[in-house]
């Protein structure tokens, strides 16, 4: 099976932290919003929400993804 990363989830500022039932949120204090993909062929891609490849800038994340994530995994969040 071949898959590609979905478009990044973008945040929307709100006046208060009230969430509808079943929703979850995380504050973004500082850092990078990024997506991480571990492909079945062993590749790992870490990209910014604008699509910039940041994999080489964070070798420790690359190593951890290779060691701990199963194939065909996508994570979206703040690092």
Protein backbone atom coordinates (compact mmCIF):
# COMPACT_ATOMS: atom_id res chain seq x y z
CA UNK A 1 0.00 0.00 0.00
CA UNK A 2 1.26 3.47 -0.85
CA UNK A 3 0.18 6.50 1.14
CA UNK A 4 1.20 10.11 1.48
CA UNK A 5 1.07 12.55 4.36
CA UNK A 6 -2.21 14.43 4.68
CA UNK A 7 -2.23 18.22 4.75
CA UNK A 8 -1.01 19.51 8.14
CA UNK A 9 -3.60 20.34 10.76
CA UNK A 10 -3.61 24.09 11.23
CA UNK A 11 -4.53 25.77 14.48
CA UNK A 12 -7.14 28.45 14.98
CA UNK A 13 -6.90 30.97 17.82
CA UNK A 14 -9.88 31.07 20.17
CA UNK A 15 -10.88 33.36 23.00
CA UNK A 16 -11.30 30.53 25.52
CA UNK A 17 -10.43 26.87 25.98
CA UNK A 18 -14.03 25.58 25.80
CA UNK A 19 -14.16 22.44 23.65
CA UNK A 20 -17.14 20.47 22.38
CA UNK A 21 -17.65 16.97 23.83
CA UNK A 22 -15.25 14.46 22.30
CA UNK A 23 -12.75 17.12 21.16
CA UNK A 24 -9.15 17.44 22.30
CA UNK A 25 -6.66 20.30 22.08
CA UNK A 26 -3.09 21.09 22.97
CA UNK A 27 -1.56 24.51 23.67
CA UNK A 28 1.28 25.65 21.46
CA UNK A 29 3.59 27.62 23.70
CA UNK A 30 6.63 27.57 21.46
CA UNK A 31 8.36 25.26 19.05
CA UNK A 32 7.53 23.83 15.66
CA UNK A 33 4.28 22.42 14.35
CA UNK A 34 5.32 19.42 12.31
CA UNK A 35 4.30 16.10 10.80
CA UNK A 36 6.38 12.97 11.08
CA UNK A 37 5.96 10.01 8.77
CA UNK A 38 7.56 6.58 9.01
CA UNK A 39 7.13 4.80 5.68
CA UNK A 40 7.12 1.05 5.06
CA UNK A 41 10.34 1.33 3.01
CA UNK A 42 12.20 2.69 6.08
CA UNK A 43 12.15 6.37 5.16
CA UNK A 44 11.31 8.98 7.78
CA UNK A 45 10.07 12.45 6.86
CA UNK A 46 9.70 15.34 9.29
CA UNK A 47 8.11 18.36 7.66
CA UNK A 48 6.86 21.76 8.72
CA UNK A 49 3.27 22.85 8.22
CA UNK A 50 4.48 24.72 5.11
CA UNK A 51 5.90 21.46 3.75
CA UNK A 52 9.59 22.16 4.38
CA UNK A 53 11.62 18.98 4.97
CA UNK A 54 13.15 19.35 8.48
CA UNK A 55 14.38 15.76 8.85
CA UNK A 56 18.11 16.56 8.65
CA UNK A 57 17.81 19.31 11.29
CA UNK A 58 16.54 16.87 13.95
CA UNK A 59 18.64 13.67 13.76
CA UNK A 60 17.54 12.60 17.26
CA UNK A 61 13.90 12.52 16.11
CA UNK A 62 14.89 10.57 13.00
CA UNK A 63 16.72 8.00 15.15
CA UNK A 64 13.81 7.70 17.60
CA UNK A 65 11.27 7.28 14.78
CA UNK A 66 13.33 4.53 13.18
CA UNK A 67 13.76 2.74 16.51
CA UNK A 68 10.25 3.09 17.93
CA UNK A 69 7.56 3.71 15.31
CA UNK A 70 5.93 1.03 13.21
CA UNK A 71 5.83 1.35 9.43
CA UNK A 72 3.13 3.52 7.89
CA UNK A 73 2.81 5.84 10.89
CA UNK A 74 1.96 9.55 10.72
CA UNK A 75 2.15 11.90 13.71
CA UNK A 76 1.02 15.54 13.69
CA UNK A 77 1.87 17.84 16.55
CA UNK A 78 4.15 20.38 18.18
CA UNK A 79 7.76 19.63 18.98
